[in-house]
Amino acid sequence: MDTQALKALIDLFGRAPLRELEISEGGQTLKITRSEQVAAPVGPAPARPSTQTAPTASSAGQAGPSAEGPDTPTQAERVVTAPMYGTLHLSPSPDVRPFVAVGDTLSVGQQIGLIEAMKVFTPVKTEVAGRVEAILVTDGTEVEADQPLMRLS
């Protein structure tokens, strides 16, 4: 395995939410393992307090949150995020129309793009319905896991 390929794998592993990567090529095996300290999840913890804060705000008499109701997603929940690290493609190929455009109405589970990582293409699908208000990234850019991709209204 050449040095440039090794550096690219280490860089990709550093950005991906993986704990271990093992690759065998030409009789050689490369194994990269992440320590427990680095892989400790810190992102999901703040989501719980913000959920507890929302009922407090609506009980204080604010018109915005109480008008939406408990089943309607808040503005923060109406963002489509990247499921993983990789290169985002907004269309199936360069000469084809993008999956979605600003102003399109999306339904839950609709594909909005592809993320390429290590030559594997993973579909990106919405988890909420709404109208595309803004596309926050450009085609062909590298994205991180949970990075906002589109804002819906």
Protein backbone atom coordinates (compact mmCIF):
# COMPACT_ATOMS: atom_id res chain seq x y z
CA MET A 1 0.00 0.00 0.00
CA ASP A 2 1.51 3.34 -0.98
CA THR A 3 2.03 6.21 1.46
CA GLN A 4 -0.50 8.51 -0.19
CA ALA A 5 -3.27 5.88 0.05
CA LEU A 6 -2.34 5.20 3.68
CA LYS A 7 -2.51 8.91 4.54
CA ALA A 8 -5.90 9.20 2.82
CA LEU A 9 -7.25 6.22 4.79
CA ILE A 10 -6.00 7.65 8.09
CA ASP A 11 -7.52 11.05 7.28
CA LEU A 12 -10.86 9.48 6.34
CA PHE A 13 -10.82 7.32 9.47
CA GLY A 14 -10.14 10.40 11.61
CA ARG A 15 -13.28 12.08 10.29
CA ALA A 16 -15.57 9.05 10.13
CA PRO A 17 -17.61 7.82 13.09
CA LEU A 18 -15.81 4.46 13.11
CA ARG A 19 -14.08 2.70 15.99
CA GLU A 20 -12.06 0.25 13.92
CA LEU A 21 -10.99 -0.21 10.31
CA GLU A 22 -9.24 -3.26 8.89
CA ILE A 23 -8.16 -3.50 5.24
CA SER A 24 -6.34 -6.37 3.53
CA GLU A 25 -4.59 -5.80 0.21
CA GLY A 26 -1.97 -7.89 -1.56
CA GLY A 27 -1.15 -10.05 1.45
CA GLN A 28 -0.80 -7.01 3.75
CA THR A 29 -3.30 -6.13 6.46
CA LEU A 30 -3.80 -2.67 7.95
CA LYS A 31 -5.79 -2.26 11.14
CA ILE A 32 -6.60 1.16 12.62
CA THR A 33 -8.33 1.35 16.00
CA ARG A 34 -9.69 4.42 17.78
CA SER A 35 -9.25 4.69 21.54
CA GLU A 36 -12.33 4.83 23.77
CA GLN A 37 -11.64 8.46 24.78
CA VAL A 38 -11.91 9.82 21.24
CA ALA A 39 -15.04 7.84 20.38
CA ALA A 40 -17.03 8.98 23.44
CA PRO A 41 -20.38 10.39 22.22
CA VAL A 42 -20.87 13.98 23.29
CA GLY A 43 -23.38 15.12 20.65
CA PRO A 44 -26.61 13.37 21.80
CA ALA A 45 -26.40 14.59 25.41
CA PRO A 46 -27.42 18.25 24.72
CA ALA A 47 -30.50 17.13 22.75
CA ARG A 48 -32.29 15.91 25.87
CA PRO A 49 -32.07 19.19 27.86
CA SER A 50 -33.34 21.21 24.87
CA THR A 51 -36.38 18.92 24.72
CA GLN A 52 -37.00 19.63 28.39
CA THR A 53 -36.55 23.37 27.81
CA ALA A 54 -39.25 23.52 25.08
CA PRO A 55 -42.20 22.69 27.42
CA THR A 56 -40.92 25.31 29.87
CA ALA A 57 -40.94 27.95 27.11
CA SER A 58 -44.47 27.07 25.99
CA SER A 59 -45.73 27.06 29.59
CA ALA A 60 -44.31 30.58 29.94
CA GLY A 61 -46.91 31.75 27.42
CA GLN A 62 -44.85 32.28 24.28
CA ALA A 63 -47.09 32.17 21.21
CA GLY A 64 -44.61 30.51 18.79
CA PRO A 65 -43.94 27.12 20.40
CA SER A 66 -47.45 26.68 21.81
CA ALA A 67 -49.03 27.47 18.42
CA GLU A 68 -47.07 24.63 16.75
CA GLY A 69 -48.36 21.94 19.07
CA PRO A 70 -46.49 18.93 20.45
CA ASP A 71 -46.48 16.87 17.19
CA THR A 72 -45.16 19.62 14.90
CA PRO A 73 -41.34 19.70 14.59
CA THR A 74 -39.61 22.88 15.70
CA GLN A 75 -37.37 24.90 13.36
CA ALA A 76 -34.27 23.07 14.68
CA GLU A 77 -35.83 19.71 13.78
CA ARG A 78 -36.62 20.85 10.22
CA VAL A 79 -33.02 20.54 9.06
CA VAL A 80 -31.85 17.60 6.96
CA THR A 81 -28.43 16.51 8.25
CA ALA A 82 -25.69 14.30 6.84
CA PRO A 83 -25.87 10.72 8.16
CA MET A 84 -22.10 10.24 7.87
CA TYR A 85 -18.82 11.77 6.72
CA GLY A 86 -18.07 11.87 2.99
CA THR A 87 -18.45 13.82 -0.23
CA LEU A 88 -21.98 15.05 -0.87
CA HIS A 89 -23.47 14.68 -4.34
CA LEU A 90 -26.76 16.52 -4.93
CA SER A 91 -27.47 14.73 -8.24
CA PRO A 92 -27.05 11.13 -9.40
CA SER A 93 -24.43 12.21 -11.97
CA PRO A 94 -22.91 15.53 -13.13
CA ASP A 95 -25.10 15.87 -16.23
CA VAL A 96 -28.41 15.06 -14.48
CA ARG A 97 -30.83 17.37 -12.66
CA PRO A 98 -30.32 17.48 -8.83
CA PHE A 99 -32.47 15.29 -6.58
CA VAL A 100 -34.15 18.40 -5.10
CA ALA A 101 -34.10 22.17 -5.54
CA VAL A 102 -35.10 25.15 -3.40
CA GLY A 103 -38.90 25.32 -3.34
CA ASP A 104 -39.47 21.57 -3.77
CA THR A 105 -41.77 19.83 -1.29
CA LEU A 106 -40.18 16.81 0.38
CA SER A 107 -41.86 13.83 1.99
CA VAL A 108 -40.42 11.67 4.76
CA GLY A 109 -37.91 9.16 3.33
CA GLN A 110 -37.36 11.05 0.07
CA GLN A 111 -33.78 10.93 -1.27
CA ILE A 112 -32.08 14.33 -1.42
CA GLY A 113 -28.53 13.27 -2.30
CA LEU A 114 -25.70 10.76 -2.06
CA ILE A 115 -22.69 10.66 0.23
CA GLU A 116 -19.57 9.03 -1.17
CA ALA A 117 -17.06 7.55 1.27
CA MET A 118 -14.34 5.12 0.21
CA LYS A 119 -16.00 4.73 -3.21
CA VAL A 120 -19.30 3.63 -1.62
CA PHE A 121 -22.39 5.75 -2.31
CA THR A 122 -24.94 6.03 0.51
CA PRO A 123 -28.35 7.64 -0.16
CA VAL A 124 -29.27 10.63 2.02
CA LYS A 125 -32.99 10.63 2.86
CA THR A 126 -35.13 13.09 4.80
CA GLU A 127 -36.55 12.24 8.18
CA VAL A 128 -39.02 15.16 8.14
CA ALA A 129 -41.38 16.54 5.51
CA GLY A 130 -41.43 20.13 4.33
CA ARG A 131 -40.55 22.60 1.59
CA VAL A 132 -36.84 23.15 0.81
CA GLU A 133 -36.12 26.65 2.07
CA ALA A 134 -32.34 26.59 1.57
CA ILE A 135 -29.61 24.19 0.46
CA LEU A 136 -26.76 24.82 2.91
CA VAL A 137 -23.93 23.00 1.09
CA THR A 138 -22.70 22.86 -2.48
CA ASP A 139 -22.43 19.78 -4.66
CA GLY A 140 -19.14 17.89 -4.31
CA THR A 141 -18.15 19.24 -0.88
CA GLU A 142 -17.00 17.12 2.04
CA VAL A 143 -19.51 16.97 4.87
CA GLU A 144 -19.29 15.76 8.46
CA ALA A 145 -21.77 13.49 10.22
CA ASP A 146 -24.78 15.50 11.48
CA GLN A 147 -23.79 18.56 9.43
CA PRO A 148 -26.88 20.50 8.27
CA LEU A 149 -27.47 20.03 4.53
CA MET A 150 -30.88 21.61 3.91
CA ARG A 151 -33.31 23.77 5.85
CA LEU A 152 -37.02 22.99 5.44
CA SER A 153 -40.02 25.17 6.21
